[in-house]
PDB file of N, CA and C in Angstrom:
ATOM      1  N   UNK A   1      14.443   7.653  21.222  1.00  0.00           N
ATOM      2  CA  UNK A   1      13.455   6.833  21.105  1.00  0.00           C
ATOM      3  C   UNK A   1      12.822   7.030  19.713  1.00  0.00           C
ATOM      4  N   UNK A   2      12.458   5.993  19.093  1.00  0.00           N
ATOM      5  CA  UNK A   2      11.599   6.136  17.734  1.00  0.00           C
ATOM      6  C   UNK A   2      10.178   6.560  18.226  1.00  0.00           C
ATOM      7  N   UNK A   3       9.280   7.217  17.415  1.00  0.00           N
ATOM      8  CA  UNK A   3       8.135   7.491  17.261  1.00  0.00           C
ATOM      9  C   UNK A   3       7.110   6.193  16.972  1.00  0.00           C
ATOM     10  N   UNK A   4       6.211   5.725  17.326  1.00  0.00           N
ATOM     11  CA  UNK A   4       5.458   4.434  17.005  1.00  0.00           C
ATOM     12  C   UNK A   4       4.626   4.978  16.295  1.00  0.00           C
ATOM     13  N   UNK A   5       4.352   4.047  15.332  1.00  0.00           N
ATOM     14  CA  UNK A   5       3.255   4.672  14.229  1.00  0.00           C
ATOM     15  C   UNK A   5       1.790   4.365  14.677  1.00  0.00           C
ATOM     16  N   UNK A   6       0.877   5.346  14.597  1.00  0.00           N
ATOM     17  CA  UNK A   6      -0.353   5.329  14.850  1.00  0.00           C
ATOM     18  C   UNK A   6      -1.327   4.783  13.840  1.00  0.00           C
ATOM     19  N   UNK A   7      -2.302   4.118  14.415  1.00  0.00           N
ATOM     20  CA  UNK A   7      -3.377   3.441  13.325  1.00  0.00           C
ATOM     21  C   UNK A   7      -3.874   4.968  12.667  1.00  0.00           C
ATOM     22  N   UNK A   8      -4.019   5.007  11.500  1.00  0.00           N
ATOM     23  CA  UNK A   8      -4.588   6.191  10.883  1.00  0.00           C
ATOM     24  C   UNK A   8      -6.004   5.739   9.923  1.00  0.00           C
ATOM     25  N   UNK A   9      -6.755   6.360  10.401  1.00  0.00           N
ATOM     26  CA  UNK A   9      -8.345   6.048  10.037  1.00  0.00           C
ATOM     27  C   UNK A   9      -8.500   6.368   8.464  1.00  0.00           C
ATOM     28  N   UNK A  10      -7.848   7.219   8.075  1.00  0.00           N
ATOM     29  CA  UNK A  10      -8.132   7.572   6.520  1.00  0.00           C
ATOM     30  C   UNK A  10      -7.447   6.536   5.701  1.00  0.00           C
ATOM     31  N   UNK A  11      -6.614   5.604   6.112  1.00  0.00           N
ATOM     32  CA  UNK A  11      -5.793   4.539   5.490  1.00  0.00           C
ATOM     33  C   UNK A  11      -6.811   3.579   4.483  1.00  0.00           C
ATOM     34  N   UNK A  12      -7.778   3.267   4.945  1.00  0.00           N
ATOM     35  CA  UNK A  12      -8.452   2.303   4.034  1.00  0.00           C
ATOM     36  C   UNK A  12      -8.543   2.801   2.879  1.00  0.00           C
ATOM     37  N   UNK A  13      -9.248   3.859   2.407  1.00  0.00           N
ATOM     38  CA  UNK A  13      -9.435   4.560   1.192  1.00  0.00           C
ATOM     39  C   UNK A  13      -8.050   4.498   0.297  1.00  0.00           C
ATOM     40  N   UNK A  14      -6.830   4.662   0.918  1.00  0.00           N
ATOM     41  CA  UNK A  14      -5.714   4.685   0.366  1.00  0.00           C
ATOM     42  C   UNK A  14      -4.900   3.511   0.446  1.00  0.00           C
ATOM     43  N   UNK A  15      -5.288   2.424   0.921  1.00  0.00           N
ATOM     44  CA  UNK A  15      -4.668   1.274   1.227  1.00  0.00           C
ATOM     45  C   UNK A  15      -4.111   0.554  -0.052  1.00  0.00           C
ATOM     46  N   UNK A  16      -5.186   0.570  -1.137  1.00  0.00           N
ATOM     47  CA  UNK A  16      -4.776  -0.459  -2.338  1.00  0.00           C
ATOM     48  C   UNK A  16      -3.897   0.471  -3.174  1.00  0.00           C
ATOM     49  N   UNK A  17      -4.090   1.856  -3.059  1.00  0.00           N
ATOM     50  CA  UNK A  17      -2.925   2.629  -3.853  1.00  0.00           C
ATOM     51  C   UNK A  17      -1.545   2.478  -3.067  1.00  0.00           C
ATOM     52  N   UNK A  18      -1.413   2.466  -1.854  1.00  0.00           N
ATOM     53  CA  UNK A  18      -0.358   2.222  -1.291  1.00  0.00           C
ATOM     54  C   UNK A  18       0.415   0.943  -1.645  1.00  0.00           C
ATOM     55  N   UNK A  19      -0.166   0.093  -1.532  1.00  0.00           N
ATOM     56  CA  UNK A  19       0.256  -1.364  -1.783  1.00  0.00           C
ATOM     57  C   UNK A  19       0.698  -1.429  -3.271  1.00  0.00           C
ATOM     58  N   UNK A  20      -0.086  -1.075  -4.125  1.00  0.00           N
ATOM     59  CA  UNK A  20       0.461  -0.846  -5.623  1.00  0.00           C
ATOM     60  C   UNK A  20       1.613  -0.125  -5.703  1.00  0.00           C
ATOM     61  N   UNK A  21       1.838   0.909  -5.130  1.00  0.00           N
ATOM     62  CA  UNK A  21       2.811   1.641  -5.265  1.00  0.00           C
ATOM     63  C   UNK A  21       4.266   0.949  -4.681  1.00  0.00           C
ATOM     64  N   UNK A  22       3.859   0.491  -3.461  1.00  0.00           N
ATOM     65  CA  UNK A  22       5.050  -0.491  -2.850  1.00  0.00           C
ATOM     66  C   UNK A  22       5.510  -1.472  -3.776  1.00  0.00           C
ATOM     67  N   UNK A  23       4.514  -2.364  -4.472  1.00  0.00           N
ATOM     68  CA  UNK A  23       4.975  -3.364  -5.181  1.00  0.00           C
ATOM     69  C   UNK A  23       5.398  -2.846  -6.518  1.00  0.00           C
ATOM     70  N   UNK A  24       5.210  -1.537  -7.027  1.00  0.00           N
ATOM     71  CA  UNK A  24       5.724  -0.907  -8.179  1.00  0.00           C
ATOM     72  C   UNK A  24       7.161  -0.966  -8.171  1.00  0.00           C
ATOM     73  N   UNK A  25       7.686  -0.740  -6.834  1.00  0.00           N
ATOM     74  CA  UNK A  25       9.118  -0.494  -6.807  1.00  0.00           C
ATOM     75  C   UNK A  25       9.698  -1.852  -6.675  1.00  0.00           C
ATOM     76  N   UNK A  26       9.031  -2.884  -5.805  1.00  0.00           N
ATOM     77  CA  UNK A  26       9.767  -4.348  -5.721  1.00  0.00           C
ATOM     78  C   UNK A  26       8.978  -5.266  -5.097  1.00  0.00           C
ATOM     79  N   UNK A  27       9.176  -6.463  -5.416  1.00  0.00           N
ATOM     80  CA  UNK A  27       8.118  -7.381  -5.015  1.00  0.00           C
ATOM     81  C   UNK A  27       8.434  -7.731  -3.528  1.00  0.00           C
ATOM     82  N   UNK A  28       7.226  -8.171  -2.644  1.00  0.00           N
ATOM     83  CA  UNK A  28       7.459  -8.193  -1.543  1.00  0.00           C
ATOM     84  C   UNK A  28       6.630  -9.067  -0.681  1.00  0.00           C
ATOM     85  N   UNK A  29       6.922  -9.591   0.387  1.00  0.00           N
ATOM     86  CA  UNK A  29       5.819 -10.219   1.276  1.00  0.00           C
ATOM     87  C   UNK A  29       5.120  -9.220   1.911  1.00  0.00           C
ATOM     88  N   UNK A  30       4.143  -9.949   2.717  1.00  0.00           N
ATOM     89  CA  UNK A  30       3.089  -9.003   3.567  1.00  0.00           C
ATOM     90  C   UNK A  30       3.746  -8.099   4.330  1.00  0.00           C
ATOM     91  N   UNK A  31       4.750  -8.774   5.289  1.00  0.00           N
ATOM     92  CA  UNK A  31       5.246  -7.861   6.208  1.00  0.00           C
ATOM     93  C   UNK A  31       6.227  -6.888   5.688  1.00  0.00           C
ATOM     94  N   UNK A  32       6.880  -7.413   4.556  1.00  0.00           N
ATOM     95  CA  UNK A  32       7.695  -6.298   3.898  1.00  0.00           C
ATOM     96  C   UNK A  32       6.914  -5.098   3.556  1.00  0.00           C
ATOM     97  N   UNK A  33       5.714  -5.414   2.914  1.00  0.00           N
ATOM     98  CA  UNK A  33       4.924  -4.189   2.329  1.00  0.00           C
ATOM     99  C   UNK A  33       4.619  -3.289   3.530  1.00  0.00           C
ATOM    100  N   UNK A  34       4.172  -3.895   4.725  1.00  0.00           N
ATOM    101  CA  UNK A  34       3.819  -3.172   5.925  1.00  0.00           C
ATOM    102  C   UNK A  34       4.908  -2.210   6.420  1.00  0.00           C
ATOM    103  N   UNK A  35       6.330  -2.823   6.361  1.00  0.00           N
ATOM    104  CA  UNK A  35       7.408  -2.407   6.708  1.00  0.00           C
ATOM    105  C   UNK A  35       7.914  -1.134   6.191  1.00  0.00           C
ATOM    106  N   UNK A  36       7.705  -1.227   4.680  1.00  0.00           N
ATOM    107  CA  UNK A  36       8.003  -0.248   3.616  1.00  0.00           C
ATOM    108  C   UNK A  36       7.090   0.975   3.789  1.00  0.00           C
ATOM    109  N   UNK A  37       5.799   0.607   3.989  1.00  0.00           N
ATOM    110  CA  UNK A  37       4.564   1.789   3.995  1.00  0.00           C
ATOM    111  C   UNK A  37       4.973   2.506   5.247  1.00  0.00           C
ATOM    112  N   UNK A  38       5.268   1.842   6.479  1.00  0.00           N
ATOM    113  CA  UNK A  38       5.837   2.356   7.915  1.00  0.00           C
ATOM    114  C   UNK A  38       7.092   3.276   7.568  1.00  0.00           C
ATOM    115  N   UNK A  39       8.151   2.696   6.799  1.00  0.00           N
ATOM    116  CA  UNK A  39       9.263   3.543   7.026  1.00  0.00           C
ATOM    117  C   UNK A  39       9.453   4.478   6.205  1.00  0.00           C
ATOM    118  N   UNK A  40       8.631   4.475   4.946  1.00  0.00           N
ATOM    119  CA  UNK A  40       8.470   5.806   4.172  1.00  0.00           C
ATOM    120  C   UNK A  40       7.531   6.820   4.386  1.00  0.00           C
ATOM    121  N   UNK A  41       6.614   6.289   5.294  1.00  0.00           N
ATOM    122  CA  UNK A  41       5.848   7.552   5.773  1.00  0.00           C
ATOM    123  C   UNK A  41       6.370   8.059   7.191  1.00  0.00           C
ATOM    124  N   UNK A  42       7.394   7.851   7.354  1.00  0.00           N
ATOM    125  CA  UNK A  42       8.219   8.300   8.522  1.00  0.00           C
ATOM    126  C   UNK A  42       7.455   8.178   9.894  1.00  0.00           C
ATOM    127  N   UNK A  43       6.816   6.632   9.878  1.00  0.00           N
ATOM    128  CA  UNK A  43       6.092   6.143  10.813  1.00  0.00           C
ATOM    129  C   UNK A  43       4.941   6.936  11.030  1.00  0.00           C
ATOM    130  N   UNK A  44       4.264   7.256  10.044  1.00  0.00           N
ATOM    131  CA  UNK A  44       2.703   8.075  10.202  1.00  0.00           C
ATOM    132  C   UNK A  44       1.737   7.061  10.049  1.00  0.00           C
ATOM    133  N   UNK A  45       2.124   6.134   9.209  1.00  0.00           N
ATOM    134  CA  UNK A  45       0.973   5.012   8.546  1.00  0.00           C
ATOM    135  C   UNK A  45       1.460   3.830   9.267  1.00  0.00           C
ATOM    136  N   UNK A  46       0.352   3.105   9.899  1.00  0.00           N
ATOM    137  CA  UNK A  46       0.397   1.828  10.341  1.00  0.00           C
ATOM    138  C   UNK A  46      -0.504   0.885   9.574  1.00  0.00           C
ATOM    139  N   UNK A  47       0.002  -0.151   8.802  1.00  0.00           N
ATOM    140  CA  UNK A  47      -1.012  -1.026   8.160  1.00  0.00           C
ATOM    141  C   UNK A  47      -0.895  -2.285   9.095  1.00  0.00           C
ATOM    142  N   UNK A  48      -2.356  -2.652   9.601  1.00  0.00           N
ATOM    143  CA  UNK A  48      -2.482  -3.494  10.295  1.00  0.00           C
ATOM    144  C   UNK A  48      -2.639  -4.678   9.361  1.00  0.00           C
ATOM    145  N   UNK A  49      -2.379  -6.143  10.124  1.00  0.00           N
ATOM    146  CA  UNK A  49      -2.744  -7.540   9.309  1.00  0.00           C
ATOM    147  C   UNK A  49      -4.363  -7.548   9.094  1.00  0.00           C
ATOM    148  N   UNK A  50      -4.991  -7.247  10.013  1.00  0.00           N
ATOM    149  CA  UNK A  50      -6.328  -7.276   9.490  1.00  0.00           C
ATOM    150  C   UNK A  50      -7.059  -6.425   8.476  1.00  0.00           C
ATOM    151  N   UNK A  51      -6.218  -5.490   8.140  1.00  0.00           N
ATOM    152  CA  UNK A  51      -6.524  -4.679   6.980  1.00  0.00           C
ATOM    153  C   UNK A  51      -5.596  -5.086   5.640  1.00  0.00           C
ATOM    154  N   UNK A  52      -4.275  -5.480   5.843  1.00  0.00           N
ATOM    155  CA  UNK A  52      -3.484  -5.880   4.702  1.00  0.00           C
ATOM    156  C   UNK A  52      -3.897  -6.957   4.101  1.00  0.00           C
ATOM    157  N   UNK A  53      -4.064  -8.089   4.710  1.00  0.00           N
ATOM    158  CA  UNK A  53      -4.214  -9.440   4.036  1.00  0.00           C
ATOM    159  C   UNK A  53      -5.420  -9.468   3.094  1.00  0.00           C
ATOM    160  N   UNK A  54      -6.760  -8.998   3.646  1.00  0.00           N
ATOM    161  CA  UNK A  54      -7.925  -8.657   2.783  1.00  0.00           C
ATOM    162  C   UNK A  54      -7.628  -7.733   1.798  1.00  0.00           C
ATOM    163  N   UNK A  55      -6.874  -6.836   1.779  1.00  0.00           N
ATOM    164  CA  UNK A  55      -6.369  -5.864   0.766  1.00  0.00           C
ATOM    165  C   UNK A  55      -5.641  -6.828  -0.438  1.00  0.00           C
ATOM    166  N   UNK A  56      -4.624  -7.570   0.054  1.00  0.00           N
ATOM    167  CA  UNK A  56      -3.967  -8.216  -0.918  1.00  0.00           C
ATOM    168  C   UNK A  56      -4.920  -9.217  -1.674  1.00  0.00           C
ATOM    169  N   UNK A  57      -5.593  -9.919  -0.785  1.00  0.00           N
ATOM    170  CA  UNK A  57      -6.731 -10.819  -1.405  1.00  0.00           C
ATOM    171  C   UNK A  57      -7.656 -10.225  -2.760  1.00  0.00           C
ATOM    172  N   UNK A  58      -7.824  -8.769  -2.252  1.00  0.00           N
ATOM    173  CA  UNK A  58      -8.681  -8.008  -3.206  1.00  0.00           C
ATOM    174  C   UNK A  58      -8.238  -7.875  -4.561  1.00  0.00           C
ATOM    175  N   UNK A  59      -6.905  -7.332  -4.089  1.00  0.00           N
ATOM    176  CA  UNK A  59      -5.989  -6.770  -5.262  1.00  0.00           C
ATOM    177  C   UNK A  59      -5.599  -8.019  -6.291  1.00  0.00           C
ATOM    178  N   UNK A  60      -5.483  -9.238  -5.648  1.00  0.00           N
ATOM    179  CA  UNK A  60      -5.059 -10.291  -6.351  1.00  0.00           C
ATOM    180  C   UNK A  60      -6.692 -10.938  -7.040  1.00  0.00           C
ATOM    181  N   UNK A  61      -7.543 -10.800  -6.693  1.00  0.00           N
ATOM    182  CA  UNK A  61      -8.774 -11.215  -7.164  1.00  0.00           C
ATOM    183  C   UNK A  61      -9.080 -10.191  -8.623  1.00  0.00           C
ATOM    184  N   UNK A  62      -8.811  -9.059  -8.303  1.00  0.00           N
ATOM    185  CA  UNK A  62      -8.770  -8.140  -9.339  1.00  0.00           C
ATOM    186  C   UNK A  62      -7.896  -8.262 -10.518  1.00  0.00           C
ATOM    187  N   UNK A  63      -6.838  -9.082 -10.269  1.00  0.00           N
ATOM    188  CA  UNK A  63      -5.925  -9.320 -11.120  1.00  0.00           C
ATOM    189  C   UNK A  63      -4.546  -8.034 -11.067  1.00  0.00           C
ATOM    190  N   UNK A  64      -4.806  -7.394 -10.203  1.00  0.00           N
ATOM    191  CA  UNK A  64      -3.482  -6.271 -10.124  1.00  0.00           C
ATOM    192  C   UNK A  64      -2.258  -6.754  -9.523  1.00  0.00           C
ATOM    193  N   UNK A  65      -2.449  -7.616  -8.697  1.00  0.00           N
ATOM    194  CA  UNK A  65      -1.208  -8.430  -8.123  1.00  0.00           C
ATOM    195  C   UNK A  65      -1.108  -9.722  -8.307  1.00  0.00           C
ATOM    196  N   UNK A  66       0.108 -10.637  -8.012  1.00  0.00           N
ATOM    197  CA  UNK A  66       0.008 -11.796  -7.941  1.00  0.00           C
ATOM    198  C   UNK A  66       0.903 -12.244  -7.168  1.00  0.00           C
ATOM    199  N   UNK A  67       0.445 -13.481  -6.284  1.00  0.00           N
ATOM    200  CA  UNK A  67       1.046 -13.784  -4.989  1.00  0.00           C
ATOM    201  C   UNK A  67       1.594 -15.306  -5.565  1.00  0.00           C
ATOM    202  N   UNK A  68       2.963 -15.368  -5.286  1.00  0.00           N
ATOM    203  CA  UNK A  68       3.558 -16.788  -5.505  1.00  0.00           C
ATOM    204  C   UNK A  68       4.237 -17.078  -4.213  1.00  0.00           C
ATOM    205  N   UNK A  69       4.170 -18.664  -3.575  1.00  0.00           N
ATOM    206  CA  UNK A  69       5.048 -18.914  -2.556  1.00  0.00           C
ATOM    207  C   UNK A  69       6.562 -18.951  -2.941  1.00  0.00           C
ATOM    208  N   UNK A  70       7.061 -18.317  -1.991  1.00  0.00           N
ATOM    209  CA  UNK A  70       8.725 -18.401  -2.003  1.00  0.00           C
ATOM    210  C   UNK A  70       9.249 -18.222  -0.813  1.00  0.00           C
ATOM    211  N   UNK A  71      10.707 -17.987  -0.860  1.00  0.00           N
ATOM    212  CA  UNK A  71      11.543 -17.612   0.480  1.00  0.00           C
ATOM    213  C   UNK A  71      12.045 -16.547   0.807  1.00  0.00           C
ATOM    214  N   UNK A  72      11.804 -15.927   1.822  1.00  0.00           N
ATOM    215  CA  UNK A  72      12.239 -14.480   2.176  1.00  0.00           C
ATOM    216  C   UNK A  72      13.740 -14.550   2.287  1.00  0.00           C
ATOM    217  N   UNK A  73      14.414 -13.492   2.786  1.00  0.00           N
ATOM    218  CA  UNK A  73      15.862 -13.544   3.139  1.00  0.00           C
ATOM    219  C   UNK A  73      15.840 -14.039   4.410  1.00  0.00           C
ATOM    220  N   UNK A  74      15.044 -14.414   5.202  1.00  0.00           N
ATOM    221  CA  UNK A  74      15.282 -15.002   6.554  1.00  0.00           C
ATOM    222  C   UNK A  74      14.994 -16.335   6.403  1.00  0.00           C
ATOM    223  N   UNK A  75      15.011 -16.751   5.169  1.00  0.00           N
ATOM    224  CA  UNK A  75      14.824 -18.072   4.805  1.00  0.00           C
ATOM    225  C   UNK A  75      13.506 -18.611   5.327  1.00  0.00           C
ATOM    226  N   UNK A  76      12.642 -17.881   5.371  1.00  0.00           N
ATOM    227  CA  UNK A  76      10.999 -18.402   5.776  1.00  0.00           C
ATOM    228  C   UNK A  76      10.267 -18.591   4.492  1.00  0.00           C
ATOM    229  N   UNK A  77       9.234 -19.333   4.346  1.00  0.00           N
ATOM    230  CA  UNK A  77       8.211 -19.533   3.498  1.00  0.00           C
ATOM    231  C   UNK A  77       7.255 -18.257   3.533  1.00  0.00           C
ATOM    232  N   UNK A  78       7.034 -17.730   2.496  1.00  0.00           N
ATOM    233  CA  UNK A  78       5.992 -16.583   2.509  1.00  0.00           C
ATOM    234  C   UNK A  78       5.445 -16.419   0.988  1.00  0.00           C
ATOM    235  N   UNK A  79       4.444 -15.660   1.102  1.00  0.00           N
ATOM    236  CA  UNK A  79       3.752 -15.412  -0.196  1.00  0.00           C
ATOM    237  C   UNK A  79       4.341 -14.291  -0.666  1.00  0.00           C
ATOM    238  N   UNK A  80       4.930 -14.079  -1.731  1.00  0.00           N
ATOM    239  CA  UNK A  80       5.747 -12.769  -2.426  1.00  0.00           C
ATOM    240  C   UNK A  80       4.707 -12.285  -3.403  1.00  0.00           C
ATOM    241  N   UNK A  81       4.437 -11.122  -3.339  1.00  0.00           N
ATOM    242  CA  UNK A  81       3.506 -10.490  -4.226  1.00  0.00           C
ATOM    243  C   UNK A  81       4.258  -9.464  -5.175  1.00  0.00           C
ATOM    244  N   UNK A  82       3.678  -9.376  -6.526  1.00  0.00           N
ATOM    245  CA  UNK A  82       4.253  -8.622  -7.449  1.00  0.00           C
ATOM    246  C   UNK A  82       3.200  -7.819  -8.186  1.00  0.00           C
ATOM    247  N   UNK A  83       3.514  -6.856  -8.489  1.00  0.00           N
ATOM    248  CA  UNK A  83       2.352  -5.859  -9.405  1.00  0.00           C
ATOM    249  C   UNK A  83       2.202  -6.544 -10.944  1.00  0.00           C
ATOM    250  N   UNK A  84       1.155  -6.717 -11.622  1.00  0.00           N
ATOM    251  CA  UNK A  84       0.641  -6.915 -12.578  1.00  0.00           C
ATOM    252  C   UNK A  84       0.631  -5.777 -13.612  1.00  0.00           C
ATOM    253  N   UNK A  85       0.632  -5.997 -15.108  1.00  0.00           N
ATOM    254  CA  UNK A  85       0.314  -4.779 -15.918  1.00  0.00           C
ATOM    255  C   UNK A  85      -0.989  -3.988 -15.765  1.00  0.00           C
ATOM    256  N   UNK A  86      -2.013  -4.849 -15.257  1.00  0.00           N
ATOM    257  CA  UNK A  86      -3.236  -4.055 -15.040  1.00  0.00           C
ATOM    258  C   UNK A  86      -3.104  -3.356 -13.669  1.00  0.00           C
ATOM    259  N   UNK A  87      -2.497  -3.811 -12.794  1.00  0.00           N
ATOM    260  CA  UNK A  87      -2.113  -3.164 -11.438  1.00  0.00           C
ATOM    261  C   UNK A  87      -1.431  -1.626 -11.550  1.00  0.00           C
ATOM    262  N   UNK A  88      -0.281  -1.799 -12.400  1.00  0.00           N
ATOM    263  CA  UNK A  88       0.285  -0.628 -12.908  1.00  0.00           C
ATOM    264  C   UNK A  88      -0.936   0.373 -13.602  1.00  0.00           C
ATOM    265  N   UNK A  89      -1.749  -0.026 -14.118  1.00  0.00           N
ATOM    266  CA  UNK A  89      -2.714   0.972 -14.808  1.00  0.00           C
ATOM    267  C   UNK A  89      -3.504   1.586 -13.870  1.00  0.00           C
ATOM    268  N   UNK A  90      -3.990   0.633 -13.054  1.00  0.00           N
ATOM    269  CA  UNK A  90      -4.755   0.869 -11.608  1.00  0.00           C
ATOM    270  C   UNK A  90      -4.101   1.934 -10.992  1.00  0.00           C
ATOM    271  N   UNK A  91      -2.937   1.601 -10.671  1.00  0.00           N
ATOM    272  CA  UNK A  91      -2.051   2.555  -9.866  1.00  0.00           C
ATOM    273  C   UNK A  91      -2.314   4.006 -10.342  1.00  0.00           C
ATOM    274  N   UNK A  92      -2.027   4.186 -11.812  1.00  0.00           N
ATOM    275  CA  UNK A  92      -1.943   5.240 -12.428  1.00  0.00           C
ATOM    276  C   UNK A  92      -3.610   6.114 -12.254  1.00  0.00           C
ATOM    277  N   UNK A  93      -4.621   5.271 -12.304  1.00  0.00           N
ATOM    278  CA  UNK A  93      -5.803   5.752 -11.995  1.00  0.00           C
ATOM    279  C   UNK A  93      -5.968   6.208 -10.642  1.00  0.00           C
ATOM    280  N   UNK A  94      -5.450   5.311  -9.724  1.00  0.00           N
ATOM    281  CA  UNK A  94      -5.485   5.626  -8.396  1.00  0.00           C
ATOM    282  C   UNK A  94      -4.754   7.034  -7.722  1.00  0.00           C
ATOM    283  N   UNK A  95      -3.484   7.120  -8.314  1.00  0.00           N
ATOM    284  CA  UNK A  95      -2.762   8.232  -8.235  1.00  0.00           C
ATOM    285  C   UNK A  95      -3.435   9.532  -8.798  1.00  0.00           C
ATOM    286  N   UNK A  96      -3.899   9.366  -9.865  1.00  0.00           N
ATOM    287  CA  UNK A  96      -4.778  10.728 -10.664  1.00  0.00           C
ATOM    288  C   UNK A  96      -6.073  11.109  -9.589  1.00  0.00           C
ATOM    289  N   UNK A  97      -6.433  10.086  -9.180  1.00  0.00           N
ATOM    290  CA  UNK A  97      -7.841  10.477  -8.022  1.00  0.00           C
ATOM    291  C   UNK A  97      -7.471  11.013  -6.792  1.00  0.00           C
ATOM    292  N   UNK A  98      -5.956  10.341  -6.391  1.00  0.00           N
ATOM    293  CA  UNK A  98      -5.339  11.021  -5.306  1.00  0.00           C
ATOM    294  C   UNK A  98      -5.088  12.362  -5.449  1.00  0.00           C
ATOM    295  N   UNK A  99      -4.343  12.724  -6.457  1.00  0.00           N
ATOM    296  CA  UNK A  99      -4.223  14.190  -6.699  1.00  0.00           C
ATOM    297  C   UNK A  99      -5.224  15.199  -6.676  1.00  0.00           C
ATOM    298  N   UNK A 100      -6.311  14.691  -7.494  1.00  0.00           N
ATOM    299  CA  UNK A 100      -7.264  15.667  -7.370  1.00  0.00           C
ATOM    300  C   UNK A 100      -8.260  15.856  -6.417  1.00  0.00           C
ATOM    301  N   UNK A 101      -8.127  14.660  -5.585  1.00  0.00           N
ATOM    302  CA  UNK A 101      -8.441  14.860  -3.783  1.00  0.00           C
ATOM    303  C   UNK A 101      -7.869  15.506  -3.177  1.00  0.00           C
ATOM    304  N   UNK A 102      -6.487  15.606  -2.930  1.00  0.00           N
ATOM    305  CA  UNK A 102      -5.791  16.400  -2.060  1.00  0.00           C
ATOM    306  C   UNK A 102      -5.653  17.827  -2.563  1.00  0.00           C
ATOM    307  N   UNK A 103      -5.692  18.305  -3.815  1.00  0.00           N
ATOM    308  CA  UNK A 103      -5.837  19.473  -4.275  1.00  0.00           C
ATOM    309  C   UNK A 103      -7.188  20.002  -4.246  1.00  0.00           C
ATOM    310  N   UNK A 104      -8.445  19.382  -4.046  1.00  0.00           N
ATOM    311  CA  UNK A 104      -9.647  20.004  -3.607  1.00  0.00           C
ATOM    312  C   UNK A 104      -9.781  20.195  -2.179  1.00  0.00           C
ATOM    313  N   UNK A 105      -8.880  19.263  -1.396  1.00  0.00           N
ATOM    314  CA  UNK A 105      -9.109  19.650   0.199  1.00  0.00           C
ATOM    315  C   UNK A 105      -7.998  20.775   0.394  1.00  0.00           C
ATOM    316  N   UNK A 106      -7.045  20.655  -0.210  1.00  0.00           N
ATOM    317  CA  UNK A 106      -6.065  22.094  -0.089  1.00  0.00           C
ATOM    318  C   UNK A 106      -6.841  23.483  -0.203  1.00  0.00           C
ATOM    319  N   UNK A 107      -7.411  23.060  -1.351  1.00  0.00           N
ATOM    320  CA  UNK A 107      -8.648  24.319  -1.809  1.00  0.00           C
ATOM    321  C   UNK A 107      -9.316  24.948  -0.713  1.00  0.00           C
ATOM    322  N   UNK A 108     -10.254  23.957   0.096  1.00  0.00           N
ATOM    323  CA  UNK A 108     -10.832  23.978   0.975  1.00  0.00           C
ATOM    324  C   UNK A 108     -10.355  24.521   2.107  1.00  0.00           C
ATOM    325  N   UNK A 109      -9.207  24.053   2.634  1.00  0.00           N
ATOM    326  CA  UNK A 109      -8.392  24.371   3.802  1.00  0.00           C
ATOM    327  C   UNK A 109      -7.666  25.905   3.561  1.00  0.00           C
ATOM    328  N   UNK A 110      -7.843  26.152   2.442  1.00  0.00           N
ATOM    329  CA  UNK A 110      -7.274  27.627   2.368  1.00  0.00           C
ATOM    330  C   UNK A 110      -8.086  28.277   1.883  1.00  0.00           C
ATOM    331  N   UNK A 111      -9.320  28.095   2.021  1.00  0.00           N
ATOM    332  CA  UNK A 111     -10.282  29.141   1.700  1.00  0.00           C
ATOM    333  C   UNK A 111     -10.584  29.980   2.649  1.00  0.00           C
ATOM    334  N   UNK A 112     -10.614  31.281   2.598  1.00  0.00           N
ATOM    335  CA  UNK A 112     -10.990  32.531   3.463  1.00  0.00           C
ATOM    336  C   UNK A 112     -12.236  33.009   3.615  1.00  0.00           C
TER     337      UNK A 112
END
């Protein structure tokens, strides 16, 4: 039996970056974004609707993504999101910040 993803309290600070990264690979609707992040994190990360949709709105207001109404592979009407050029630039900024942060944490955790 597969392991169920658990809510990750450290996710909010990384959610924008995870969404931008996901959309840099393909255009997706909200549920597709959730599934992608959960699958690629080996079920370690669970993005809840209460976090996802406000984040998508924020990213869209910032001009980093664009949502357009379309039809999913299941023939359902949904908002399909795609990353914009400014979103790709922001993803690069967020990726650099993340790399610096994880390196700093690794240093502290490895200190003796």
